[in-house]
N, C-alpha and C. Protein backbone atom coordinates (compact mmCIF):
# COMPACT_ATOMS: atom_id res chain seq x y z
N MET A 1 48.94 33.51 32.00
CA MET A 1 47.49 33.62 32.01
C MET A 1 46.84 32.33 31.54
N LYS A 2 45.73 32.18 32.60
CA LYS A 2 44.94 30.75 32.48
C LYS A 2 43.92 30.87 31.53
N SER A 3 43.73 29.69 30.78
CA SER A 3 42.42 29.59 29.70
C SER A 3 41.10 29.83 30.82
N PHE A 4 40.33 30.23 29.81
CA PHE A 4 38.83 30.16 30.40
C PHE A 4 38.38 28.86 30.62
N LEU A 5 38.80 27.80 30.18
CA LEU A 5 38.35 26.28 30.50
C LEU A 5 38.70 25.92 31.77
N SER A 6 40.08 26.28 32.03
CA SER A 6 40.71 25.68 33.15
C SER A 6 40.10 26.48 34.17
N LEU A 7 39.69 27.63 34.14
CA LEU A 7 39.13 28.39 35.33
C LEU A 7 37.89 27.77 35.65
N LEU A 8 36.93 27.43 34.67
CA LEU A 8 35.80 26.85 35.11
C LEU A 8 36.01 25.42 35.68
N GLN A 9 36.85 24.76 35.26
CA GLN A 9 37.39 23.52 35.82
C GLN A 9 37.49 23.35 36.98
N ASP A 10 38.48 24.32 37.31
CA ASP A 10 39.12 24.47 39.05
C ASP A 10 37.91 24.79 39.79
N LYS A 11 36.94 25.83 39.22
CA LYS A 11 35.84 26.14 40.32
C LYS A 11 34.95 25.15 40.25
N SER A 12 34.33 24.29 39.39
CA SER A 12 33.24 23.49 39.29
C SER A 12 34.06 22.23 40.09
N CYS A 13 34.94 21.64 39.89
CA CYS A 13 35.20 20.36 40.67
C CYS A 13 36.15 20.48 41.80
N GLY A 14 36.62 21.83 42.07
CA GLY A 14 37.45 21.98 43.41
C GLY A 14 38.73 21.54 42.96
N GLY A 15 39.18 21.69 41.74
CA GLY A 15 40.55 21.56 41.39
C GLY A 15 40.99 20.38 40.52
N PRO A 16 42.18 19.66 40.05
CA PRO A 16 42.54 18.71 39.40
C PRO A 16 41.93 17.41 40.29
N ARG A 17 42.29 17.50 41.65
CA ARG A 17 42.07 16.19 42.36
C ARG A 17 40.43 15.94 42.44
N GLY A 18 39.70 17.13 42.62
CA GLY A 18 38.15 16.79 42.62
C GLY A 18 37.89 16.09 41.17
N CYS A 19 38.39 16.73 40.24
CA CYS A 19 38.07 16.09 38.87
C CYS A 19 38.13 14.60 38.72
N ARG A 20 39.32 14.22 39.04
CA ARG A 20 39.87 12.86 38.82
C ARG A 20 38.96 11.96 39.90
N PHE A 21 38.58 12.39 41.02
CA PHE A 21 37.55 11.63 41.81
C PHE A 21 36.04 11.55 41.31
N THR A 22 35.76 12.62 40.84
CA THR A 22 34.28 12.72 40.14
C THR A 22 34.37 11.91 39.00
N HIS A 23 35.43 11.95 38.03
CA HIS A 23 35.65 11.19 36.74
C HIS A 23 35.53 9.62 37.28
N ALA A 24 36.11 9.12 38.47
CA ALA A 24 36.44 7.75 38.68
C ALA A 24 35.03 7.49 39.40
N ALA A 25 34.33 8.21 40.04
CA ALA A 25 33.02 7.87 40.57
C ALA A 25 31.88 7.69 39.57
N CYS A 26 32.06 8.31 38.59
CA CYS A 26 30.85 8.35 37.49
C CYS A 26 31.46 7.15 36.62
N TYR A 27 32.86 6.75 36.56
CA TYR A 27 33.10 5.77 35.65
C TYR A 27 32.82 4.57 36.35
N ARG A 28 32.40 4.42 37.53
CA ARG A 28 32.07 3.32 38.33
C ARG A 28 30.86 2.97 38.35
N LEU A 29 29.97 4.00 38.33
CA LEU A 29 28.59 3.87 38.24
C LEU A 29 28.17 3.61 36.91
N PHE A 30 28.70 4.29 35.86
CA PHE A 30 28.20 4.15 34.65
C PHE A 30 29.23 3.37 33.48
N GLY A 31 29.92 2.87 34.25
CA GLY A 31 30.77 2.33 33.37
C GLY A 31 30.59 1.09 32.50
N ASP A 32 29.38 0.50 33.13
CA ASP A 32 29.04 -0.75 32.20
C ASP A 32 27.78 -0.51 31.37
N ARG A 33 27.72 0.65 31.01
CA ARG A 33 26.51 1.22 30.06
C ARG A 33 26.57 0.46 28.93
N LYS A 34 27.52 0.14 28.18
CA LYS A 34 27.38 -0.36 26.96
C LYS A 34 26.55 -1.71 27.13
N ALA A 35 26.61 -2.53 27.85
CA ALA A 35 25.66 -3.87 28.22
C ALA A 35 24.45 -3.45 28.76
N ALA A 36 23.91 -2.42 29.47
CA ALA A 36 22.91 -1.90 29.44
C ALA A 36 21.92 -1.46 28.33
N THR A 37 22.78 -0.81 27.52
CA THR A 37 22.27 -0.25 26.17
C THR A 37 21.90 -1.34 25.28
N ALA A 38 22.73 -2.36 25.46
CA ALA A 38 22.49 -3.56 24.40
C ALA A 38 21.43 -4.22 24.83
N VAL A 39 20.99 -4.32 26.21
CA VAL A 39 19.99 -5.18 26.71
C VAL A 39 18.58 -4.28 26.42
N GLU A 40 18.58 -2.73 26.64
CA GLU A 40 17.51 -2.06 26.22
C GLU A 40 17.15 -2.11 24.80
N THR A 41 18.20 -1.99 23.92
CA THR A 41 17.82 -2.42 22.62
C THR A 41 17.17 -3.34 22.10
N ALA A 42 17.74 -4.60 22.62
CA ALA A 42 16.92 -5.90 22.65
C ALA A 42 15.80 -5.76 23.00
N LEU A 43 15.18 -4.95 24.10
CA LEU A 43 14.09 -5.00 24.53
C LEU A 43 12.84 -4.47 23.67
N LEU A 44 13.55 -3.02 23.32
CA LEU A 44 12.75 -2.07 22.69
C LEU A 44 12.83 -1.91 21.07
N LEU A 45 13.58 -2.79 20.68
CA LEU A 45 13.69 -2.84 19.19
C LEU A 45 12.52 -3.54 18.35
N PRO A 46 11.96 -5.08 19.03
CA PRO A 46 11.00 -5.46 18.46
C PRO A 46 9.90 -4.45 18.41
N LEU A 47 9.69 -4.03 19.51
CA LEU A 47 8.30 -2.97 19.63
C LEU A 47 8.44 -1.75 18.71
N PHE A 48 9.72 -1.37 18.54
CA PHE A 48 9.90 -0.21 17.69
C PHE A 48 9.29 -0.87 16.21
N PHE A 49 9.90 -1.75 15.88
CA PHE A 49 9.80 -2.54 14.53
C PHE A 49 8.44 -2.81 14.46
N ALA A 50 7.71 -3.58 15.59
CA ALA A 50 5.90 -3.69 15.15
C ALA A 50 5.38 -2.36 15.21
N LEU A 51 5.79 -1.28 15.60
CA LEU A 51 4.89 -0.09 15.69
C LEU A 51 5.14 0.48 14.27
N ILE A 52 6.37 0.69 13.69
CA ILE A 52 6.53 0.99 12.37
C ILE A 52 5.72 0.05 11.26
N PHE A 53 6.01 -1.12 11.29
CA PHE A 53 5.62 -2.01 10.28
C PHE A 53 4.11 -2.17 10.52
N GLY A 54 3.50 -1.93 11.78
CA GLY A 54 2.06 -2.26 12.16
C GLY A 54 1.38 -0.78 11.60
N THR A 55 2.01 0.22 11.89
CA THR A 55 1.33 1.62 11.26
C THR A 55 1.20 1.65 9.74
N LEU A 56 2.37 1.01 9.10
CA LEU A 56 2.59 0.66 7.75
C LEU A 56 1.35 0.07 7.04
N GLU A 57 1.32 -0.99 7.86
CA GLU A 57 -0.06 -2.24 7.50
C GLU A 57 -1.24 -1.65 7.36
N ILE A 58 -1.29 -0.95 8.51
CA ILE A 58 -2.90 -0.50 9.10
C ILE A 58 -3.21 0.80 7.97
N GLY A 59 -1.91 1.42 7.42
CA GLY A 59 -2.24 2.20 6.28
C GLY A 59 -2.80 1.62 4.98
N LEU A 60 -1.87 0.54 4.75
CA LEU A 60 -2.16 -0.05 3.60
C LEU A 60 -3.57 -0.70 3.71
N LEU A 61 -4.23 -1.23 4.85
CA LEU A 61 -5.41 -1.82 5.19
C LEU A 61 -6.65 -0.86 4.84
N MET A 62 -6.29 0.47 5.43
CA MET A 62 -7.19 1.47 5.02
C MET A 62 -7.09 1.90 3.75
N LEU A 63 -6.00 1.79 2.94
CA LEU A 63 -5.94 2.33 1.27
C LEU A 63 -6.90 1.10 0.61
N TYR A 64 -6.57 -0.32 1.03
CA TYR A 64 -7.32 -1.58 0.31
C TYR A 64 -8.76 -1.42 0.53
N TYR A 65 -9.29 -0.81 1.76
CA TYR A 65 -10.78 -0.64 2.02
C TYR A 65 -11.21 0.54 0.87
N LEU A 66 -10.24 1.68 1.10
CA LEU A 66 -10.78 2.56 0.18
C LEU A 66 -10.98 2.44 -1.49
N TYR A 67 -10.06 1.79 -1.81
CA TYR A 67 -10.02 1.18 -3.14
C TYR A 67 -10.99 0.12 -3.58
N LEU A 68 -11.43 -0.60 -2.24
CA LEU A 68 -12.49 -1.87 -2.47
C LEU A 68 -13.69 -0.81 -2.62
N SER A 69 -13.84 0.27 -2.11
CA SER A 69 -15.08 1.16 -2.23
C SER A 69 -15.13 1.79 -3.40
N PHE A 70 -14.04 1.95 -4.28
CA PHE A 70 -14.02 2.78 -5.42
C PHE A 70 -14.25 1.53 -6.37
N ALA A 71 -13.81 0.28 -6.22
CA ALA A 71 -14.19 -0.74 -7.12
C ALA A 71 -15.80 -1.11 -7.21
N SER A 72 -16.14 -1.03 -6.02
CA SER A 72 -17.58 -1.13 -5.65
C SER A 72 -18.45 -0.15 -6.39
N ASN A 73 -18.24 1.08 -6.21
CA ASN A 73 -18.83 2.18 -7.15
C ASN A 73 -18.84 1.91 -8.69
N ALA A 74 -17.77 1.35 -9.12
CA ALA A 74 -17.30 1.15 -10.51
C ALA A 74 -18.21 0.03 -10.88
N GLY A 75 -18.49 -0.98 -10.31
CA GLY A 75 -19.35 -1.98 -10.42
C GLY A 75 -20.86 -1.69 -10.49
N ILE A 76 -21.14 -1.00 -9.49
CA ILE A 76 -22.33 -0.29 -9.69
C ILE A 76 -22.83 0.50 -10.76
N GLU A 77 -21.71 1.49 -11.06
CA GLU A 77 -22.04 2.25 -12.40
C GLU A 77 -22.05 1.57 -13.49
N TYR A 78 -21.26 0.35 -13.60
CA TYR A 78 -21.56 -0.45 -14.55
C TYR A 78 -22.93 -1.16 -14.87
N LEU A 79 -23.51 -1.60 -13.75
CA LEU A 79 -24.88 -2.33 -13.76
C LEU A 79 -25.97 -1.10 -14.14
N ARG A 80 -25.59 0.32 -13.48
CA ARG A 80 -26.61 1.11 -13.92
C ARG A 80 -26.70 1.46 -15.62
N LYS A 81 -25.41 1.55 -16.14
CA LYS A 81 -25.35 1.83 -17.42
C LYS A 81 -25.83 0.70 -18.37
N ALA A 82 -25.67 -0.34 -17.93
CA ALA A 82 -26.24 -1.61 -18.63
C ALA A 82 -27.68 -1.78 -18.66
N ALA A 83 -28.43 -1.43 -17.45
CA ALA A 83 -29.76 -1.28 -17.44
C ALA A 83 -30.26 -0.23 -18.20
N ALA A 84 -29.60 0.94 -18.23
CA ALA A 84 -30.07 2.14 -18.83
C ALA A 84 -29.92 1.83 -20.24
N ASP A 85 -28.93 1.28 -20.99
CA ASP A 85 -28.92 0.79 -22.44
C ASP A 85 -29.51 -0.41 -22.62
N GLY A 86 -30.26 -1.11 -21.78
CA GLY A 86 -31.09 -2.21 -22.02
C GLY A 86 -30.34 -3.23 -22.48
N ARG A 87 -28.93 -3.45 -22.41
CA ARG A 87 -28.06 -4.72 -22.80
C ARG A 87 -27.80 -5.56 -21.24
N PRO A 88 -27.61 -6.65 -21.35
CA PRO A 88 -27.41 -7.59 -20.07
C PRO A 88 -26.04 -7.52 -19.47
N ALA A 89 -26.19 -7.51 -18.46
CA ALA A 89 -24.84 -7.36 -17.63
C ALA A 89 -24.31 -8.90 -17.65
N THR A 90 -22.94 -9.04 -17.60
CA THR A 90 -22.34 -10.07 -17.76
C THR A 90 -21.08 -10.11 -16.36
N GLU A 91 -21.05 -11.19 -16.19
CA GLU A 91 -19.96 -11.29 -15.14
C GLU A 91 -18.74 -10.93 -15.35
N ILE A 92 -18.05 -11.49 -16.55
CA ILE A 92 -16.83 -11.03 -17.12
C ILE A 92 -16.61 -9.44 -17.05
N ALA A 93 -17.97 -8.59 -17.46
CA ALA A 93 -17.62 -7.46 -17.68
C ALA A 93 -17.91 -6.63 -16.29
N LEU A 94 -18.62 -7.18 -15.30
CA LEU A 94 -18.68 -6.68 -14.21
C LEU A 94 -17.27 -6.62 -13.66
N ARG A 95 -16.74 -8.21 -13.64
CA ARG A 95 -15.48 -8.20 -13.01
C ARG A 95 -14.42 -7.08 -13.48
N LYS A 96 -14.67 -7.20 -14.82
CA LYS A 96 -13.24 -6.35 -15.57
C LYS A 96 -13.59 -4.68 -14.93
N ALA A 97 -15.06 -4.48 -14.86
CA ALA A 97 -15.31 -2.83 -14.25
C ALA A 97 -14.95 -2.77 -13.10
N ILE A 98 -14.87 -3.80 -12.22
CA ILE A 98 -14.35 -3.81 -10.65
C ILE A 98 -13.06 -3.71 -10.66
N ALA A 99 -12.26 -4.57 -11.47
CA ALA A 99 -10.71 -4.62 -11.42
C ALA A 99 -10.05 -3.58 -11.66
N SER A 100 -10.79 -3.10 -12.47
CA SER A 100 -10.08 -1.44 -13.15
C SER A 100 -10.01 -0.50 -12.44
N HIS A 101 -10.80 -0.46 -11.11
CA HIS A 101 -10.62 0.50 -10.36
C HIS A 101 -9.99 -0.11 -8.80
N PHE A 102 -9.63 -1.33 -8.78
CA PHE A 102 -8.86 -1.73 -7.48
C PHE A 102 -7.25 -1.75 -7.70
N ILE A 103 -6.53 -1.56 -6.38
CA ILE A 103 -5.41 -1.23 -6.71
C ILE A 103 -4.45 -2.57 -6.76
N GLY A 104 -5.25 -3.65 -6.21
CA GLY A 104 -4.32 -4.92 -5.85
C GLY A 104 -4.65 -5.87 -7.19
N GLY A 105 -3.82 -6.78 -7.29
CA GLY A 105 -3.75 -7.92 -8.44
C GLY A 105 -5.32 -8.64 -7.97
N THR A 106 -6.14 -9.07 -8.93
CA THR A 106 -7.32 -9.49 -8.71
C THR A 106 -7.56 -10.82 -9.90
N ASP A 107 -7.92 -11.90 -9.14
CA ASP A 107 -8.19 -12.97 -10.06
C ASP A 107 -9.66 -13.45 -9.29
N GLU A 108 -10.31 -14.57 -9.58
CA GLU A 108 -11.39 -15.45 -8.85
C GLU A 108 -11.01 -15.82 -7.48
N THR A 109 -9.78 -16.18 -7.22
CA THR A 109 -9.53 -16.65 -5.89
C THR A 109 -9.46 -15.43 -4.72
N ASN A 110 -8.79 -14.57 -5.38
CA ASN A 110 -8.62 -13.57 -4.12
C ASN A 110 -9.60 -12.32 -4.29
N LEU A 111 -10.49 -12.06 -5.38
CA LEU A 111 -11.63 -11.14 -5.36
C LEU A 111 -12.79 -11.94 -5.73
N LYS A 112 -13.80 -11.98 -5.05
CA LYS A 112 -14.89 -12.38 -4.78
C LYS A 112 -15.98 -11.45 -4.82
N ILE A 113 -17.00 -11.71 -6.02
CA ILE A 113 -17.89 -10.74 -6.36
C ILE A 113 -19.08 -11.64 -6.14
N ALA A 114 -20.40 -10.95 -5.44
CA ALA A 114 -21.50 -11.50 -5.49
C ALA A 114 -22.71 -10.61 -5.82
N LEU A 115 -23.37 -10.88 -6.85
CA LEU A 115 -24.39 -10.16 -7.15
C LEU A 115 -25.91 -10.54 -6.77
N LEU A 116 -26.52 -10.26 -6.05
CA LEU A 116 -27.84 -10.72 -5.49
C LEU A 116 -28.89 -9.86 -5.52
N PRO A 117 -29.69 -10.25 -6.35
CA PRO A 117 -31.22 -9.41 -6.71
C PRO A 117 -32.10 -9.56 -5.18
N ILE A 118 -32.46 -8.52 -4.99
CA ILE A 118 -33.57 -8.36 -3.59
C ILE A 118 -34.78 -8.66 -4.03
N PRO A 119 -35.44 -9.39 -3.67
CA PRO A 119 -36.70 -10.02 -3.99
C PRO A 119 -37.69 -9.19 -3.62
N ASP A 120 -38.40 -8.65 -4.45
CA ASP A 120 -39.72 -8.00 -4.32
C ASP A 120 -39.40 -6.70 -3.36
N ASP A 121 -38.34 -6.05 -3.97
CA ASP A 121 -37.66 -4.93 -3.20
C ASP A 121 -37.55 -4.83 -1.65
N ASP A 122 -37.60 -5.98 -1.25
CA ASP A 122 -37.68 -5.91 0.29
C ASP A 122 -36.02 -6.48 0.84
N ILE A 123 -35.34 -5.22 0.97
CA ILE A 123 -33.81 -5.54 1.45
C ILE A 123 -33.79 -6.54 2.58
N ALA A 124 -34.38 -6.51 3.50
CA ALA A 124 -34.48 -7.48 4.74
C ALA A 124 -34.59 -8.92 4.29
N GLU A 125 -35.00 -9.26 3.06
CA GLU A 125 -35.14 -10.71 2.64
C GLU A 125 -33.94 -11.03 1.84
N ALA A 126 -32.83 -10.00 1.75
CA ALA A 126 -31.54 -10.42 0.67
C ALA A 126 -30.79 -10.79 1.78
N LYS A 127 -30.28 -12.04 1.46
CA LYS A 127 -29.30 -12.76 2.24
C LYS A 127 -27.79 -12.53 1.58
N VAL A 128 -26.66 -12.20 2.38
CA VAL A 128 -25.49 -12.02 1.88
C VAL A 128 -24.71 -12.83 2.65
N PRO A 129 -23.86 -13.88 1.65
CA PRO A 129 -23.08 -15.11 2.50
C PRO A 129 -21.88 -14.36 2.89
N THR A 130 -21.57 -14.73 4.31
CA THR A 130 -20.21 -14.34 4.73
C THR A 130 -19.47 -15.83 4.91
N PRO A 131 -18.02 -15.94 4.68
CA PRO A 131 -17.48 -15.00 3.60
C PRO A 131 -18.17 -14.66 2.35
N ILE A 132 -17.62 -13.85 1.50
CA ILE A 132 -18.40 -13.51 0.36
C ILE A 132 -17.81 -14.67 -0.70
N VAL A 133 -18.66 -15.06 -1.54
CA VAL A 133 -18.50 -16.25 -2.38
C VAL A 133 -18.53 -15.84 -3.93
N ASN A 134 -17.97 -16.42 -5.13
CA ASN A 134 -18.45 -15.69 -6.32
C ASN A 134 -19.83 -16.33 -6.35
N ASP A 135 -20.86 -15.51 -6.67
CA ASP A 135 -21.93 -15.71 -6.81
C ASP A 135 -22.79 -14.57 -7.81
N PHE A 136 -22.60 -14.87 -9.12
CA PHE A 136 -23.14 -13.80 -9.83
C PHE A 136 -24.70 -13.97 -10.32
N ARG A 137 -25.88 -13.45 -10.27
CA ARG A 137 -27.11 -13.88 -10.55
C ARG A 137 -27.34 -12.74 -11.47
N PRO A 138 -27.48 -13.30 -12.81
CA PRO A 138 -27.57 -12.00 -14.00
C PRO A 138 -28.99 -11.29 -13.69
N PRO A 139 -28.64 -9.80 -13.65
CA PRO A 139 -29.82 -9.01 -13.44
C PRO A 139 -31.06 -9.23 -14.44
N ALA A 140 -32.09 -9.17 -13.97
CA ALA A 140 -33.48 -9.52 -14.64
C ALA A 140 -34.22 -8.39 -14.38
N ASP A 141 -35.46 -8.42 -15.33
CA ASP A 141 -36.34 -7.12 -15.69
C ASP A 141 -37.06 -6.87 -14.39
N THR A 142 -37.39 -7.85 -13.61
CA THR A 142 -38.18 -7.84 -12.77
C THR A 142 -37.76 -7.27 -11.30
N ALA A 143 -36.33 -7.56 -11.16
CA ALA A 143 -35.56 -6.81 -10.01
C ALA A 143 -34.90 -5.51 -10.42
N GLY A 144 -35.15 -4.49 -9.64
CA GLY A 144 -34.57 -3.21 -9.60
C GLY A 144 -33.65 -2.77 -8.69
N GLN A 145 -33.42 -3.58 -8.03
CA GLN A 145 -32.37 -3.66 -6.55
C GLN A 145 -31.66 -4.67 -6.66
N TYR A 146 -30.27 -4.45 -6.31
CA TYR A 146 -29.30 -5.71 -6.17
C TYR A 146 -28.31 -5.06 -5.09
N ILE A 147 -27.89 -6.70 -4.36
CA ILE A 147 -26.67 -6.02 -3.32
C ILE A 147 -25.65 -6.44 -4.16
N LEU A 148 -24.67 -5.88 -4.24
CA LEU A 148 -23.07 -6.06 -4.81
C LEU A 148 -22.10 -6.26 -3.60
N ALA A 149 -21.74 -7.45 -3.57
CA ALA A 149 -20.68 -7.68 -2.52
C ALA A 149 -19.67 -8.16 -2.80
N ILE A 150 -18.38 -7.42 -2.54
CA ILE A 150 -17.07 -7.41 -2.78
C ILE A 150 -16.28 -8.00 -1.75
N GLY A 151 -15.75 -9.21 -2.06
CA GLY A 151 -14.69 -9.60 -0.72
C GLY A 151 -13.22 -9.86 -1.44
N TYR A 152 -12.18 -9.54 -0.49
CA TYR A 152 -10.85 -9.48 -1.05
C TYR A 152 -10.13 -10.17 0.05
N LYS A 153 -9.43 -11.20 -0.50
CA LYS A 153 -8.48 -11.66 0.60
C LYS A 153 -7.37 -11.39 0.39
N TRP A 154 -6.61 -10.69 1.72
CA TRP A 154 -5.34 -9.92 1.65
C TRP A 154 -4.31 -10.62 2.52
N ASN A 155 -3.30 -11.29 2.02
CA ASN A 155 -2.14 -11.67 2.96
C ASN A 155 -1.60 -10.71 3.85
N PHE A 156 -1.70 -10.93 5.10
CA PHE A 156 -1.22 -9.78 6.08
C PHE A 156 0.18 -10.01 6.51
N LEU A 157 1.03 -9.07 6.77
CA LEU A 157 2.55 -9.01 7.03
C LEU A 157 2.66 -9.40 8.72
N MET A 158 1.81 -8.41 9.42
CA MET A 158 1.95 -8.60 10.92
C MET A 158 0.84 -9.44 11.29
N PRO A 159 0.94 -10.38 12.31
CA PRO A 159 0.03 -11.52 12.88
C PRO A 159 -1.14 -10.40 13.57
N THR A 160 -0.70 -9.25 14.05
CA THR A 160 -1.84 -8.50 14.83
C THR A 160 -3.03 -7.74 14.07
N THR A 161 -2.57 -7.58 12.54
CA THR A 161 -3.53 -6.65 11.97
C THR A 161 -4.78 -7.46 11.50
N ARG A 162 -4.54 -8.70 11.39
CA ARG A 162 -5.82 -9.66 11.21
C ARG A 162 -6.86 -9.40 12.22
N LEU A 163 -6.52 -8.93 13.56
CA LEU A 163 -7.58 -8.47 14.37
C LEU A 163 -8.71 -7.53 14.13
N LEU A 164 -7.81 -6.54 12.94
CA LEU A 164 -9.17 -5.54 12.56
C LEU A 164 -9.98 -6.00 11.35
N VAL A 165 -9.83 -7.24 10.81
CA VAL A 165 -10.40 -7.62 9.72
C VAL A 165 -11.47 -8.79 10.20
N PRO A 166 -12.59 -8.58 9.81
CA PRO A 166 -13.70 -9.60 10.06
C PRO A 166 -13.25 -10.76 9.49
N ASP A 167 -13.66 -12.16 10.67
CA ASP A 167 -13.17 -13.35 10.27
C ASP A 167 -14.18 -14.25 10.37
N THR A 168 -14.69 -14.79 9.27
CA THR A 168 -15.70 -15.69 9.20
C THR A 168 -15.23 -17.11 8.74
N GLY A 169 -15.49 -18.21 9.40
CA GLY A 169 -15.08 -19.48 9.13
C GLY A 169 -13.45 -19.51 8.61
N GLY A 170 -12.78 -18.76 9.38
CA GLY A 170 -11.33 -18.72 9.28
C GLY A 170 -10.50 -17.93 7.98
N ILE A 171 -11.62 -17.51 7.36
CA ILE A 171 -11.24 -16.65 6.26
C ILE A 171 -11.20 -15.18 6.58
N HIS A 172 -10.08 -14.51 6.66
CA HIS A 172 -9.92 -13.15 6.77
C HIS A 172 -10.22 -12.25 5.44
N GLN A 173 -11.20 -11.39 5.39
CA GLN A 173 -11.46 -11.13 3.91
C GLN A 173 -12.28 -9.73 4.32
N LEU A 174 -11.35 -8.59 3.39
CA LEU A 174 -11.81 -7.10 3.33
C LEU A 174 -13.06 -7.32 2.47
N ARG A 175 -14.28 -6.44 3.23
CA ARG A 175 -15.69 -6.69 2.46
C ARG A 175 -16.33 -5.47 2.21
N ASN A 176 -16.74 -5.14 1.35
CA ASN A 176 -17.72 -3.97 0.94
C ASN A 176 -19.07 -4.31 0.31
N ILE A 177 -20.03 -4.11 1.05
CA ILE A 177 -21.36 -4.29 0.52
C ILE A 177 -22.30 -3.37 0.42
N SER A 178 -22.57 -3.01 -1.03
CA SER A 178 -23.62 -1.77 -1.41
C SER A 178 -24.65 -2.30 -2.06
N LEU A 179 -25.55 -1.34 -2.22
CA LEU A 179 -26.71 -1.17 -2.91
C LEU A 179 -26.84 -0.88 -4.03
N ALA A 180 -27.25 -1.49 -5.13
CA ALA A 180 -27.18 -1.03 -6.48
C ALA A 180 -28.71 -0.96 -7.07
N ILE A 181 -28.98 0.16 -7.31
CA ILE A 181 -30.49 0.21 -7.87
C ILE A 181 -30.20 0.77 -9.55
N THR A 182 -30.72 -0.52 -10.12
CA THR A 182 -30.66 -0.31 -11.58
C THR A 182 -31.99 0.14 -12.30
N ALA A 183 -33.02 0.40 -11.32
CA ALA A 183 -34.09 0.71 -11.97
C ALA A 183 -34.21 1.99 -12.89
N VAL A 184 -34.81 1.85 -13.98
CA VAL A 184 -34.67 3.10 -15.01
C VAL A 184 -35.88 4.02 -14.74
N ARG A 185 -35.58 5.19 -14.40
CA ARG A 185 -36.96 6.16 -14.11
C ARG A 185 -37.49 6.68 -15.22
N VAL A 186 -38.78 6.29 -15.51
CA VAL A 186 -39.36 6.96 -16.71
C VAL A 186 -39.92 8.20 -16.57
N THR A 187 -39.66 8.97 -17.63
CA THR A 187 -40.35 10.55 -17.20
C THR A 187 -40.89 10.99 -18.10
N GLU A 188 -42.13 11.59 -18.00
CA GLU A 188 -43.06 11.86 -19.02
C GLU A 188 -43.39 13.50 -19.24
């Protein structure tokens, strides 16, 4: 009694001689497959790594932008509370409020903060320097609106991610520019 596999082999290849011939032909055609696989791997592996690490770095870039927005909101909230309490806002306290809501390590070299009053409440006259530099102008009683500009210098891992971040003067800087209204409304 023949096994089931031998019956299938006999029918599909035309007997043992046909199987040997088919095997020899396939070996000649695909025998050098290991070299082709090595070449294909060498060509595609850098693209694969660039795709994986590029996706991770773009995700980190978006996360840093999100936390930069949170930090800007914390700075604006500090300015509002200081104006409502009638106490002066200081650069150290503003930097501390912003740094407490930011994910990365911050100091004066990589986190630039500019607080600029809007003259005569005309936002078109306010000039924000790019790249953002440390420029803290203490809030005065005459101005009720300010521009809070935050810039973070981030070291990129991938060379192509720099193309997604604005470049001014050779400095790649993540930026968030917000309007801070500190005028206290008096209700009667």
